[in-house]
PDB file of N, CA and C in Angstrom:
ATOM      1  N   MET A   1      34.617  10.425  16.482  1.00  0.00           N
ATOM      2  CA  MET A   1      33.977   9.136  16.336  1.00  0.00           C
ATOM      3  C   MET A   1      32.611   9.134  17.031  1.00  0.00           C
ATOM      4  N   ARG A   2      32.545   9.739  18.222  1.00  0.00           N
ATOM      5  CA  ARG A   2      31.264   9.798  18.932  1.00  0.00           C
ATOM      6  C   ARG A   2      30.224  10.585  18.147  1.00  0.00           C
ATOM      7  N   ASN A   3      30.678  11.678  17.523  1.00  0.00           N
ATOM      8  CA  ASN A   3      29.741  12.496  16.742  1.00  0.00           C
ATOM      9  C   ASN A   3      29.181  11.699  15.571  1.00  0.00           C
ATOM     10  N   LEU A   4      30.011  10.898  14.943  1.00  0.00           N
ATOM     11  CA  LEU A   4      29.558  10.077  13.826  1.00  0.00           C
ATOM     12  C   LEU A   4      28.542   9.049  14.303  1.00  0.00           C
ATOM     13  N   LEU A   5      28.808   8.398  15.415  1.00  0.00           N
ATOM     14  CA  LEU A   5      27.867   7.421  15.956  1.00  0.00           C
ATOM     15  C   LEU A   5      26.543   8.086  16.349  1.00  0.00           C
ATOM     16  N   LEU A   6      26.623   9.261  16.923  1.00  0.00           N
ATOM     17  CA  LEU A   6      25.408   9.984  17.293  1.00  0.00           C
ATOM     18  C   LEU A   6      24.591  10.332  16.051  1.00  0.00           C
ATOM     19  N   LEU A   7      25.268  10.806  15.025  1.00  0.00           N
ATOM     20  CA  LEU A   7      24.597  11.157  13.783  1.00  0.00           C
ATOM     21  C   LEU A   7      23.938   9.935  13.150  1.00  0.00           C
ATOM     22  N   LEU A   8      24.632   8.827  13.132  1.00  0.00           N
ATOM     23  CA  LEU A   8      24.090   7.606  12.537  1.00  0.00           C
ATOM     24  C   LEU A   8      22.909   7.060  13.330  1.00  0.00           C
ATOM     25  N   SER A   9      22.865   7.301  14.614  1.00  0.00           N
ATOM     26  CA  SER A   9      21.741   6.817  15.413  1.00  0.00           C
ATOM     27  C   SER A   9      20.503   7.708  15.253  1.00  0.00           C
ATOM     28  N   ILE A  10      20.691   8.953  14.840  1.00  0.00           N
ATOM     29  CA  ILE A  10      19.572   9.873  14.688  1.00  0.00           C
ATOM     30  C   ILE A  10      18.914   9.760  13.316  1.00  0.00           C
ATOM     31  N   ILE A  11      19.652   9.419  12.287  1.00  0.00           N
ATOM     32  CA  ILE A  11      19.127   9.384  10.915  1.00  0.00           C
ATOM     33  C   ILE A  11      17.886   8.505  10.770  1.00  0.00           C
ATOM     34  N   PRO A  12      17.849   7.282  11.299  1.00  0.00           N
ATOM     35  CA  PRO A  12      16.619   6.488  11.143  1.00  0.00           C
ATOM     36  C   PRO A  12      15.395   7.138  11.788  1.00  0.00           C
ATOM     37  N   VAL A  13      15.569   7.839  12.887  1.00  0.00           N
ATOM     38  CA  VAL A  13      14.458   8.516  13.552  1.00  0.00           C
ATOM     39  C   VAL A  13      13.931   9.631  12.662  1.00  0.00           C
ATOM     40  N   LEU A  14      14.819  10.393  12.042  1.00  0.00           N
ATOM     41  CA  LEU A  14      14.397  11.468  11.158  1.00  0.00           C
ATOM     42  C   LEU A  14      13.678  10.919   9.932  1.00  0.00           C
ATOM     43  N   ALA A  15      14.160   9.834   9.390  1.00  0.00           N
ATOM     44  CA  ALA A  15      13.519   9.226   8.224  1.00  0.00           C
ATOM     45  C   ALA A  15      12.124   8.735   8.576  1.00  0.00           C
ATOM     46  N   TYR A  16      11.954   8.149   9.731  1.00  0.00           N
ATOM     47  CA  TYR A  16      10.640   7.664  10.156  1.00  0.00           C
ATOM     48  C   TYR A  16       9.673   8.824  10.371  1.00  0.00           C
ATOM     49  N   ALA A  17      10.156   9.916  10.912  1.00  0.00           N
ATOM     50  CA  ALA A  17       9.290  11.056  11.205  1.00  0.00           C
ATOM     51  C   ALA A  17       8.730  11.679   9.934  1.00  0.00           C
ATOM     52  N   ASP A  18       9.435  11.542   8.818  1.00  0.00           N
ATOM     53  CA  ASP A  18       8.996  12.145   7.569  1.00  0.00           C
ATOM     54  C   ASP A  18       8.229  11.153   6.693  1.00  0.00           C
ATOM     55  N   SER A  19       8.044   9.922   7.143  1.00  0.00           N
ATOM     56  CA  SER A  19       7.394   8.920   6.306  1.00  0.00           C
ATOM     57  C   SER A  19       5.894   9.159   6.239  1.00  0.00           C
ATOM     58  N   LEU A  20       5.281   8.610   5.215  1.00  0.00           N
ATOM     59  CA  LEU A  20       3.854   8.789   4.979  1.00  0.00           C
ATOM     60  C   LEU A  20       3.182   7.438   5.099  1.00  0.00           C
ATOM     61  N   ASP A  21       2.087   7.392   5.792  1.00  0.00           N
ATOM     62  CA  ASP A  21       1.336   6.148   5.946  1.00  0.00           C
ATOM     63  C   ASP A  21       0.505   5.934   4.690  1.00  0.00           C
ATOM     64  N   MET A  22       0.949   5.042   3.820  1.00  0.00           N
ATOM     65  CA  MET A  22       0.266   4.794   2.552  1.00  0.00           C
ATOM     66  C   MET A  22      -1.121   4.184   2.764  1.00  0.00           C
ATOM     67  N   ARG A  23      -1.394   3.623   3.930  1.00  0.00           N
ATOM     68  CA  ARG A  23      -2.711   3.041   4.188  1.00  0.00           C
ATOM     69  C   ARG A  23      -3.800   4.095   4.252  1.00  0.00           C
ATOM     70  N   THR A  24      -3.442   5.326   4.595  1.00  0.00           N
ATOM     71  CA  THR A  24      -4.441   6.380   4.710  1.00  0.00           C
ATOM     72  C   THR A  24      -4.407   7.343   3.530  1.00  0.00           C
ATOM     73  N   LEU A  25      -3.652   7.022   2.509  1.00  0.00           N
ATOM     74  CA  LEU A  25      -3.524   7.917   1.363  1.00  0.00           C
ATOM     75  C   LEU A  25      -4.640   7.636   0.369  1.00  0.00           C
ATOM     76  N   GLN A  26      -5.547   8.594   0.225  1.00  0.00           N
ATOM     77  CA  GLN A  26      -6.636   8.403  -0.718  1.00  0.00           C
ATOM     78  C   GLN A  26      -7.158   9.728  -1.243  1.00  0.00           C
ATOM     79  N   CYS A  27      -7.793   9.647  -2.403  1.00  0.00           N
ATOM     80  CA  CYS A  27      -8.474  10.780  -3.027  1.00  0.00           C
ATOM     81  C   CYS A  27      -9.869  10.313  -3.379  1.00  0.00           C
ATOM     82  N   ARG A  28     -10.832  11.032  -2.873  1.00  0.00           N
ATOM     83  CA  ARG A  28     -12.229  10.649  -3.053  1.00  0.00           C
ATOM     84  C   ARG A  28     -12.395   9.183  -2.679  1.00  0.00           C
ATOM     85  N   SER A  29     -12.762   8.344  -3.626  1.00  0.00           N
ATOM     86  CA  SER A  29     -13.052   6.945  -3.285  1.00  0.00           C
ATOM     87  C   SER A  29     -11.910   5.977  -3.590  1.00  0.00           C
ATOM     88  N   ILE A  30     -10.786   6.452  -4.128  1.00  0.00           N
ATOM     89  CA  ILE A  30      -9.702   5.515  -4.445  1.00  0.00           C
ATOM     90  C   ILE A  30      -8.554   5.653  -3.456  1.00  0.00           C
ATOM     91  N   LYS A  31      -8.042   4.519  -3.044  1.00  0.00           N
ATOM     92  CA  LYS A  31      -6.849   4.487  -2.212  1.00  0.00           C
ATOM     93  C   LYS A  31      -5.647   4.421  -3.145  1.00  0.00           C
ATOM     94  N   LEU A  32      -4.625   5.226  -2.851  1.00  0.00           N
ATOM     95  CA  LEU A  32      -3.455   5.275  -3.708  1.00  0.00           C
ATOM     96  C   LEU A  32      -2.436   4.230  -3.281  1.00  0.00           C
ATOM     97  N   ASN A  33      -1.839   3.579  -4.280  1.00  0.00           N
ATOM     98  CA  ASN A  33      -0.799   2.573  -4.032  1.00  0.00           C
ATOM     99  C   ASN A  33       0.128   2.544  -5.236  1.00  0.00           C
ATOM    100  N   SER A  34       1.006   1.568  -5.295  1.00  0.00           N
ATOM    101  CA  SER A  34       2.007   1.515  -6.363  1.00  0.00           C
ATOM    102  C   SER A  34       1.421   1.246  -7.746  1.00  0.00           C
ATOM    103  N   SER A  35       0.175   0.816  -7.832  1.00  0.00           N
ATOM    104  CA  SER A  35      -0.450   0.596  -9.140  1.00  0.00           C
ATOM    105  C   SER A  35      -1.311   1.780  -9.580  1.00  0.00           C
ATOM    106  N   THR A  36      -1.305   2.859  -8.801  1.00  0.00           N
ATOM    107  CA  THR A  36      -2.054   4.062  -9.147  1.00  0.00           C
ATOM    108  C   THR A  36      -1.334   4.810 -10.263  1.00  0.00           C
ATOM    109  N   THR A  37      -2.079   5.261 -11.259  1.00  0.00           N
ATOM    110  CA  THR A  37      -1.490   5.998 -12.374  1.00  0.00           C
ATOM    111  C   THR A  37      -1.649   7.509 -12.162  1.00  0.00           C
ATOM    112  N   LEU A  38      -0.895   8.255 -12.940  1.00  0.00           N
ATOM    113  CA  LEU A  38      -1.009   9.703 -12.900  1.00  0.00           C
ATOM    114  C   LEU A  38      -2.432  10.128 -13.261  1.00  0.00           C
ATOM    115  N   ALA A  39      -3.044   9.473 -14.235  1.00  0.00           N
ATOM    116  CA  ALA A  39      -4.422   9.788 -14.622  1.00  0.00           C
ATOM    117  C   ALA A  39      -5.383   9.566 -13.458  1.00  0.00           C
ATOM    118  N   ASP A  40      -5.171   8.515 -12.657  1.00  0.00           N
ATOM    119  CA  ASP A  40      -6.016   8.266 -11.477  1.00  0.00           C
ATOM    120  C   ASP A  40      -5.956   9.453 -10.516  1.00  0.00           C
ATOM    121  N   VAL A  41      -4.738   9.923 -10.263  1.00  0.00           N
ATOM    122  CA  VAL A  41      -4.557  11.044  -9.338  1.00  0.00           C
ATOM    123  C   VAL A  41      -5.169  12.314  -9.925  1.00  0.00           C
ATOM    124  N   GLN A  42      -4.910  12.573 -11.205  1.00  0.00           N
ATOM    125  CA  GLN A  42      -5.435  13.784 -11.827  1.00  0.00           C
ATOM    126  C   GLN A  42      -6.964  13.787 -11.883  1.00  0.00           C
ATOM    127  N   ASN A  43      -7.569  12.635 -12.039  1.00  0.00           N
ATOM    128  CA  ASN A  43      -9.026  12.551 -12.150  1.00  0.00           C
ATOM    129  C   ASN A  43      -9.746  12.498 -10.805  1.00  0.00           C
ATOM    130  N   ASN A  44      -9.042  12.138  -9.731  1.00  0.00           N
ATOM    131  CA  ASN A  44      -9.710  11.914  -8.448  1.00  0.00           C
ATOM    132  C   ASN A  44      -9.249  12.809  -7.307  1.00  0.00           C
ATOM    133  N   CYS A  45      -8.133  13.485  -7.452  1.00  0.00           N
ATOM    134  CA  CYS A  45      -7.581  14.262  -6.340  1.00  0.00           C
ATOM    135  C   CYS A  45      -7.778  15.759  -6.558  1.00  0.00           C
ATOM    136  N   MET A  46      -7.809  16.499  -5.450  1.00  0.00           N
ATOM    137  CA  MET A  46      -7.867  17.949  -5.518  1.00  0.00           C
ATOM    138  C   MET A  46      -6.430  18.453  -5.683  1.00  0.00           C
ATOM    139  N   ILE A  47      -6.037  18.645  -6.938  1.00  0.00           N
ATOM    140  CA  ILE A  47      -4.662  19.002  -7.281  1.00  0.00           C
ATOM    141  C   ILE A  47      -4.381  20.451  -6.886  1.00  0.00           C
ATOM    142  N   GLN A  48      -3.231  20.650  -6.254  1.00  0.00           N
ATOM    143  CA  GLN A  48      -2.794  22.003  -5.927  1.00  0.00           C
ATOM    144  C   GLN A  48      -1.740  22.491  -6.919  1.00  0.00           C
ATOM    145  N   LYS A  49      -0.848  21.564  -7.335  1.00  0.00           N
ATOM    146  CA  LYS A  49       0.249  21.964  -8.209  1.00  0.00           C
ATOM    147  C   LYS A  49       0.782  20.730  -8.925  1.00  0.00           C
ATOM    148  N   GLN A  50       1.229  20.924 -10.174  1.00  0.00           N
ATOM    149  CA  GLN A  50       1.877  19.866 -10.942  1.00  0.00           C
ATOM    150  C   GLN A  50       3.076  20.479 -11.656  1.00  0.00           C
ATOM    151  N   LYS A  51       4.217  19.783 -11.633  1.00  0.00           N
ATOM    152  CA  LYS A  51       5.403  20.295 -12.321  1.00  0.00           C
ATOM    153  C   LYS A  51       6.435  19.190 -12.470  1.00  0.00           C
ATOM    154  N   THR A  52       7.391  19.425 -13.355  1.00  0.00           N
ATOM    155  CA  THR A  52       8.533  18.523 -13.483  1.00  0.00           C
ATOM    156  C   THR A  52       9.598  18.995 -12.507  1.00  0.00           C
ATOM    157  N   SER A  53      10.106  18.071 -11.701  1.00  0.00           N
ATOM    158  CA  SER A  53      11.089  18.411 -10.685  1.00  0.00           C
ATOM    159  C   SER A  53      12.141  17.310 -10.595  1.00  0.00           C
ATOM    160  N   LYS A  54      13.390  17.673 -10.855  1.00  0.00           N
ATOM    161  CA  LYS A  54      14.517  16.742 -10.754  1.00  0.00           C
ATOM    162  C   LYS A  54      14.304  15.496 -11.605  1.00  0.00           C
ATOM    163  N   GLY A  55      13.781  15.677 -12.814  1.00  0.00           N
ATOM    164  CA  GLY A  55      13.583  14.569 -13.738  1.00  0.00           C
ATOM    165  C   GLY A  55      12.354  13.722 -13.470  1.00  0.00           C
ATOM    166  N   ARG A  56      11.575  14.093 -12.469  1.00  0.00           N
ATOM    167  CA  ARG A  56      10.335  13.365 -12.158  1.00  0.00           C
ATOM    168  C   ARG A  56       9.166  14.323 -12.279  1.00  0.00           C
ATOM    169  N   TYR A  57       7.967  13.781 -12.400  1.00  0.00           N
ATOM    170  CA  TYR A  57       6.775  14.609 -12.450  1.00  0.00           C
ATOM    171  C   TYR A  57       6.165  14.655 -11.055  1.00  0.00           C
ATOM    172  N   GLN A  58       6.023  15.839 -10.523  1.00  0.00           N
ATOM    173  CA  GLN A  58       5.557  16.043  -9.142  1.00  0.00           C
ATOM    174  C   GLN A  58       4.117  16.538  -9.146  1.00  0.00           C
ATOM    175  N   VAL A  59       3.291  15.932  -8.300  1.00  0.00           N
ATOM    176  CA  VAL A  59       1.898  16.349  -8.145  1.00  0.00           C
ATOM    177  C   VAL A  59       1.633  16.577  -6.656  1.00  0.00           C
ATOM    178  N   ASP A  60       1.174  17.771  -6.319  1.00  0.00           N
ATOM    179  CA  ASP A  60       0.786  18.103  -4.946  1.00  0.00           C
ATOM    180  C   ASP A  60      -0.735  18.124  -4.887  1.00  0.00           C
ATOM    181  N   PHE A  61      -1.288  17.449  -3.895  1.00  0.00           N
ATOM    182  CA  PHE A  61      -2.744  17.388  -3.758  1.00  0.00           C
ATOM    183  C   PHE A  61      -3.133  17.242  -2.300  1.00  0.00           C
ATOM    184  N   ILE A  62      -4.435  17.342  -2.027  1.00  0.00           N
ATOM    185  CA  ILE A  62      -4.963  17.199  -0.672  1.00  0.00           C
ATOM    186  C   ILE A  62      -5.387  15.749  -0.450  1.00  0.00           C
ATOM    187  N   ASN A  63      -4.877  15.135   0.621  1.00  0.00           N
ATOM    188  CA  ASN A  63      -5.272  13.783   1.013  1.00  0.00           C
ATOM    189  C   ASN A  63      -6.646  13.888   1.674  1.00  0.00           C
ATOM    190  N   ASN A  64      -7.654  13.267   1.095  1.00  0.00           N
ATOM    191  CA  ASN A  64      -9.017  13.355   1.635  1.00  0.00           C
ATOM    192  C   ASN A  64      -9.140  12.761   3.039  1.00  0.00           C
ATOM    193  N   GLU A  65      -8.315  11.809   3.366  1.00  0.00           N
ATOM    194  CA  GLU A  65      -8.394  11.150   4.672  1.00  0.00           C
ATOM    195  C   GLU A  65      -7.878  12.053   5.796  1.00  0.00           C
ATOM    196  N   THR A  66      -6.791  12.805   5.519  1.00  0.00           N
ATOM    197  CA  THR A  66      -6.164  13.621   6.564  1.00  0.00           C
ATOM    198  C   THR A  66      -6.300  15.125   6.340  1.00  0.00           C
ATOM    199  N   ASN A  67      -6.761  15.520   5.167  1.00  0.00           N
ATOM    200  CA  ASN A  67      -6.858  16.937   4.778  1.00  0.00           C
ATOM    201  C   ASN A  67      -5.512  17.651   4.799  1.00  0.00           C
ATOM    202  N   LYS A  68      -4.435  16.918   4.543  1.00  0.00           N
ATOM    203  CA  LYS A  68      -3.091  17.499   4.478  1.00  0.00           C
ATOM    204  C   LYS A  68      -2.574  17.413   3.051  1.00  0.00           C
ATOM    205  N   THR A  69      -1.656  18.306   2.722  1.00  0.00           N
ATOM    206  CA  THR A  69      -1.050  18.300   1.394  1.00  0.00           C
ATOM    207  C   THR A  69      -0.067  17.144   1.277  1.00  0.00           C
ATOM    208  N   VAL A  70      -0.143  16.437   0.165  1.00  0.00           N
ATOM    209  CA  VAL A  70       0.742  15.314  -0.125  1.00  0.00           C
ATOM    210  C   VAL A  70       1.435  15.599  -1.446  1.00  0.00           C
ATOM    211  N   THR A  71       2.716  15.261  -1.528  1.00  0.00           N
ATOM    212  CA  THR A  71       3.463  15.371  -2.771  1.00  0.00           C
ATOM    213  C   THR A  71       3.789  13.969  -3.250  1.00  0.00           C
ATOM    214  N   CYS A  72       3.387  13.657  -4.477  1.00  0.00           N
ATOM    215  CA  CYS A  72       3.700  12.357  -5.073  1.00  0.00           C
ATOM    216  C   CYS A  72       4.508  12.555  -6.338  1.00  0.00           C
ATOM    217  N   TYR A  73       5.341  11.557  -6.644  1.00  0.00           N
ATOM    218  CA  TYR A  73       6.212  11.623  -7.806  1.00  0.00           C
ATOM    219  C   TYR A  73       5.907  10.483  -8.764  1.00  0.00           C
ATOM    220  N   PHE A  74       5.966  10.795 -10.045  1.00  0.00           N
ATOM    221  CA  PHE A  74       5.764   9.844 -11.127  1.00  0.00           C
ATOM    222  C   PHE A  74       6.971   9.929 -12.048  1.00  0.00           C
ATOM    223  N   ALA A  75       7.238   8.855 -12.808  1.00  0.00           N
ATOM    224  CA  ALA A  75       8.404   8.825 -13.690  1.00  0.00           C
ATOM    225  C   ALA A  75       8.284   9.837 -14.828  1.00  0.00           C
ATOM    226  N   SER A  76       7.068  10.136 -15.256  1.00  0.00           N
ATOM    227  CA  SER A  76       6.862  11.084 -16.355  1.00  0.00           C
ATOM    228  C   SER A  76       5.491  11.735 -16.204  1.00  0.00           C
ATOM    229  N   ASN A  77       5.159  12.599 -17.155  1.00  0.00           N
ATOM    230  CA  ASN A  77       3.847  13.234 -17.130  1.00  0.00           C
ATOM    231  C   ASN A  77       2.851  12.509 -18.036  1.00  0.00           C
ATOM    232  N   MET A  78       3.160  11.286 -18.409  1.00  0.00           N
ATOM    233  CA  MET A  78       2.244  10.464 -19.202  1.00  0.00           C
ATOM    234  C   MET A  78       1.118   9.972 -18.292  1.00  0.00           C
ATOM    235  N   PRO A  79      -0.130   9.946 -18.772  1.00  0.00           N
ATOM    236  CA  PRO A  79      -1.250   9.502 -17.937  1.00  0.00           C
ATOM    237  C   PRO A  79      -1.096   8.088 -17.383  1.00  0.00           C
ATOM    238  N   THR A  80      -0.329   7.241 -18.063  1.00  0.00           N
ATOM    239  CA  THR A  80      -0.160   5.854 -17.615  1.00  0.00           C
ATOM    240  C   THR A  80       1.012   5.672 -16.653  1.00  0.00           C
ATOM    241  N   ALA A  81       1.746   6.754 -16.349  1.00  0.00           N
ATOM    242  CA  ALA A  81       2.889   6.659 -15.433  1.00  0.00           C
ATOM    243  C   ALA A  81       2.407   6.203 -14.055  1.00  0.00           C
ATOM    244  N   LEU A  82       3.141   5.258 -13.467  1.00  0.00           N
ATOM    245  CA  LEU A  82       2.772   4.723 -12.149  1.00  0.00           C
ATOM    246  C   LEU A  82       3.353   5.557 -11.030  1.00  0.00           C
ATOM    247  N   LEU A  83       2.673   5.555  -9.914  1.00  0.00           N
ATOM    248  CA  LEU A  83       3.101   6.264  -8.718  1.00  0.00           C
ATOM    249  C   LEU A  83       4.430   5.703  -8.238  1.00  0.00           C
ATOM    250  N   ASN A  84       5.423   6.571  -8.046  1.00  0.00           N
ATOM    251  CA  ASN A  84       6.737   6.130  -7.546  1.00  0.00           C
ATOM    252  C   ASN A  84       6.856   6.270  -6.042  1.00  0.00           C
ATOM    253  N   SER A  85       6.542   7.460  -5.534  1.00  0.00           N
ATOM    254  CA  SER A  85       6.662   7.695  -4.101  1.00  0.00           C
ATOM    255  C   SER A  85       5.842   8.904  -3.713  1.00  0.00           C
ATOM    256  N   CYS A  86       5.564   9.004  -2.417  1.00  0.00           N
ATOM    257  CA  CYS A  86       4.821  10.148  -1.877  1.00  0.00           C
ATOM    258  C   CYS A  86       5.421  10.548  -0.538  1.00  0.00           C
ATOM    259  N   HIS A  87       5.253  11.812  -0.214  1.00  0.00           N
ATOM    260  CA  HIS A  87       5.626  12.307   1.120  1.00  0.00           C
ATOM    261  C   HIS A  87       4.799  13.509   1.453  1.00  0.00           C
TER     262      HIS A  87
END
């Protein structure tokens, strides 16, 4: 029982440590948010890799604000697909 309680108390800390600050997520002059389309990312970001992964379309690019690699997911590879999540 103690091990379960310990595990449950650690999970939120791990989730927070892996979160991405969406306020600093940008490519060139556009800030990325939930209304950003795949075409916006493809036209404005320095893309490293694009592929279909686990039924979603994955795009890896460099965040201009932090110079770190970011992975974002879209529902499909259609240019109008909206940004689902990033990490």
